[in-house]
C-alpha atoms as a PDB file:
ATOM      1  CA  MET A   1       0.000   0.000   0.000  1.00  0.00           C
ATOM      2  CA  THR A   2       1.378   3.401  -0.956  1.00  0.00           C
ATOM      3  CA  ARG A   3       1.507   6.405   1.329  1.00  0.00           C
ATOM      4  CA  LYS A   4      -1.221   8.186  -0.642  1.00  0.00           C
ATOM      5  CA  GLN A   5      -3.586   5.228  -0.325  1.00  0.00           C
ATOM      6  CA  ARG A   6      -3.223   5.321   3.454  1.00  0.00           C
ATOM      7  CA  GLN A   7      -4.115   9.034   3.520  1.00  0.00           C
ATOM      8  CA  THR A   8      -7.472   8.651   1.789  1.00  0.00           C
ATOM      9  CA  SER A   9     -10.488   6.445   2.190  1.00  0.00           C
ATOM     10  CA  ILE A  10     -13.461   5.578   0.045  1.00  0.00           C
ATOM     11  CA  TYR A  11     -16.937   6.480   1.226  1.00  0.00           C
ATOM     12  CA  PRO A  12     -19.953   5.674  -0.935  1.00  0.00           C
ATOM     13  CA  LEU A  13     -22.112   8.776  -0.848  1.00  0.00           C
ATOM     14  CA  ARG A  14     -25.779   8.878  -1.712  1.00  0.00           C
ATOM     15  CA  LEU A  15     -27.092  12.215  -2.904  1.00  0.00           C
ATOM     16  CA  PRO A  16     -30.511  13.180  -4.176  1.00  0.00           C
ATOM     17  CA  ALA A  17     -30.374  13.393  -7.976  1.00  0.00           C
ATOM     18  CA  SER A  18     -30.974  17.158  -7.916  1.00  0.00           C
ATOM     19  CA  LEU A  19     -27.978  17.736  -5.640  1.00  0.00           C
ATOM     20  CA  LYS A  20     -25.731  15.522  -7.724  1.00  0.00           C
ATOM     21  CA  MET A  21     -26.733  17.381 -10.877  1.00  0.00           C
ATOM     22  CA  ALA A  22     -25.984  20.731  -9.187  1.00  0.00           C
ATOM     23  CA  VAL A  23     -22.624  19.473  -7.927  1.00  0.00           C
ATOM     24  CA  ARG A  24     -21.767  18.094 -11.358  1.00  0.00           C
ATOM     25  CA  GLU A  25     -22.632  21.414 -13.000  1.00  0.00           C
ATOM     26  CA  ILE A  26     -20.692  23.535 -10.505  1.00  0.00           C
ATOM     27  CA  SER A  27     -17.642  21.285 -10.504  1.00  0.00           C
ATOM     28  CA  ARG A  28     -17.632  21.244 -14.313  1.00  0.00           C
ATOM     29  CA  GLU A  29     -17.760  25.065 -14.353  1.00  0.00           C
ATOM     30  CA  ASP A  30     -14.904  25.201 -11.837  1.00  0.00           C
ATOM     31  CA  GLY A  31     -12.874  22.624 -13.724  1.00  0.00           C
ATOM     32  CA  THR A  32     -12.804  20.247 -10.756  1.00  0.00           C
ATOM     33  CA  SER A  33     -14.100  16.769 -10.103  1.00  0.00           C
ATOM     34  CA  ILE A  34     -17.242  15.954  -8.156  1.00  0.00           C
ATOM     35  CA  ASN A  35     -15.011  14.237  -5.606  1.00  0.00           C
ATOM     36  CA  GLN A  36     -12.917  17.382  -5.152  1.00  0.00           C
ATOM     37  CA  PHE A  37     -16.051  19.519  -4.795  1.00  0.00           C
ATOM     38  CA  VAL A  38     -17.530  17.232  -2.133  1.00  0.00           C
ATOM     39  CA  ALA A  39     -14.222  16.960  -0.230  1.00  0.00           C
ATOM     40  CA  THR A  40     -13.882  20.756  -0.220  1.00  0.00           C
ATOM     41  CA  ALA A  41     -17.484  21.224   0.912  1.00  0.00           C
ATOM     42  CA  VAL A  42     -16.989  18.780   3.788  1.00  0.00           C
ATOM     43  CA  ALA A  43     -13.735  20.517   4.779  1.00  0.00           C
ATOM     44  CA  GLU A  44     -15.470  23.914   4.777  1.00  0.00           C
ATOM     45  CA  LYS A  45     -18.292  22.602   6.967  1.00  0.00           C
ATOM     46  CA  ILE A  46     -15.851  21.065   9.443  1.00  0.00           C
ATOM     47  CA  ALA A  47     -13.912  24.339   9.598  1.00  0.00           C
ATOM     48  CA  ALA A  48     -17.115  26.311  10.252  1.00  0.00           C
ATOM     49  CA  LEU A  49     -18.222  23.963  13.018  1.00  0.00           C
ATOM     50  CA  ARG A  50     -14.822  23.963  14.701  1.00  0.00           C
ATOM     51  CA  THR A  51     -14.613  27.752  14.475  1.00  0.00           C
ATOM     52  CA  ALA A  52     -18.017  28.056  16.145  1.00  0.00           C
ATOM     53  CA  GLU A  53     -16.879  25.643  18.875  1.00  0.00           C
ATOM     54  CA  PHE A  54     -13.670  27.629  19.366  1.00  0.00           C
ATOM     55  CA  PHE A  55     -15.538  30.889  19.973  1.00  0.00           C
ATOM     56  CA  ALA A  56     -18.253  29.242  22.073  1.00  0.00           C
ATOM     57  CA  GLU A  57     -15.638  27.725  24.392  1.00  0.00           C
ATOM     58  CA  ARG A  58     -13.848  31.030  24.794  1.00  0.00           C
ATOM     59  CA  SER A  59     -16.959  33.143  25.240  1.00  0.00           C
ATOM     60  CA  ASP A  60     -17.640  31.535  28.618  1.00  0.00           C
ATOM     61  CA  GLY A  61     -14.588  33.236  30.089  1.00  0.00           C
ATOM     62  CA  ALA A  62     -15.100  36.578  28.351  1.00  0.00           C
ATOM     63  CA  ASP A  63     -15.199  39.747  30.418  1.00  0.00           C
ATOM     64  CA  ILE A  64     -17.525  41.939  28.356  1.00  0.00           C
ATOM     65  CA  GLU A  65     -17.179  44.949  30.652  1.00  0.00           C
ATOM     66  CA  ALA A  66     -13.383  44.809  30.423  1.00  0.00           C
ATOM     67  CA  ALA A  67     -13.650  44.734  26.642  1.00  0.00           C
ATOM     68  CA  ARG A  68     -15.998  47.736  26.654  1.00  0.00           C
ATOM     69  CA  ARG A  69     -13.638  49.681  28.916  1.00  0.00           C
ATOM     70  CA  LEU A  70     -10.792  48.898  26.555  1.00  0.00           C
ATOM     71  CA  LEU A  71     -12.783  50.143  23.568  1.00  0.00           C
ATOM     72  CA  ARG A  72     -13.807  53.366  25.368  1.00  0.00           C
ATOM     73  CA  ARG A  73     -10.333  54.274  26.592  1.00  0.00           C
ATOM     74  CA  SER A  74      -8.691  57.451  25.364  1.00  0.00           C
ATOM     75  CA  GLY A  75      -5.109  58.126  24.510  1.00  0.00           C
ATOM     76  CA  GLY A  76      -2.677  56.170  22.472  1.00  0.00           C
ATOM     77  CA  LYS A  77      -0.506  57.409  19.668  1.00  0.00           C
ATOM     78  CA  PRO A  78      -1.667  58.350  16.187  1.00  0.00           C
ATOM     79  CA  PRO A  79      -0.692  55.956  13.402  1.00  0.00           C
ATOM     80  CA  HIS A  80       2.747  56.325  11.882  1.00  0.00           C
ATOM     81  CA  PRO A  81       2.508  58.409   8.661  1.00  0.00           C
ATOM     82  CA  GLU A  82       3.445  55.356   6.576  1.00  0.00           C
ATOM     83  CA  ASP A  83       0.542  53.414   8.125  1.00  0.00           C
ATOM     84  CA  ARG A  84      -2.101  55.849   6.887  1.00  0.00           C
ATOM     85  CA  ARG A  85      -4.140  55.144   3.775  1.00  0.00           C
END
């Protein structure tokens, strides 16, 4: 077994015909395979779920009042001239 074979697995996926047709059309327009489209879609969903979990876990320890005080504070230095738009 090659290294690449160990890094992937086969999963038979059942899609409603309308979804498969849409995926086929979009992947054809993008110049990718249906497999690549589905793998990318799954990766994007996993990233979204993990990002939501990340912020949910950290929100429990958030000090909203401290953040508001920080945003209301005055002072600081103006941006360096090269940093201006």
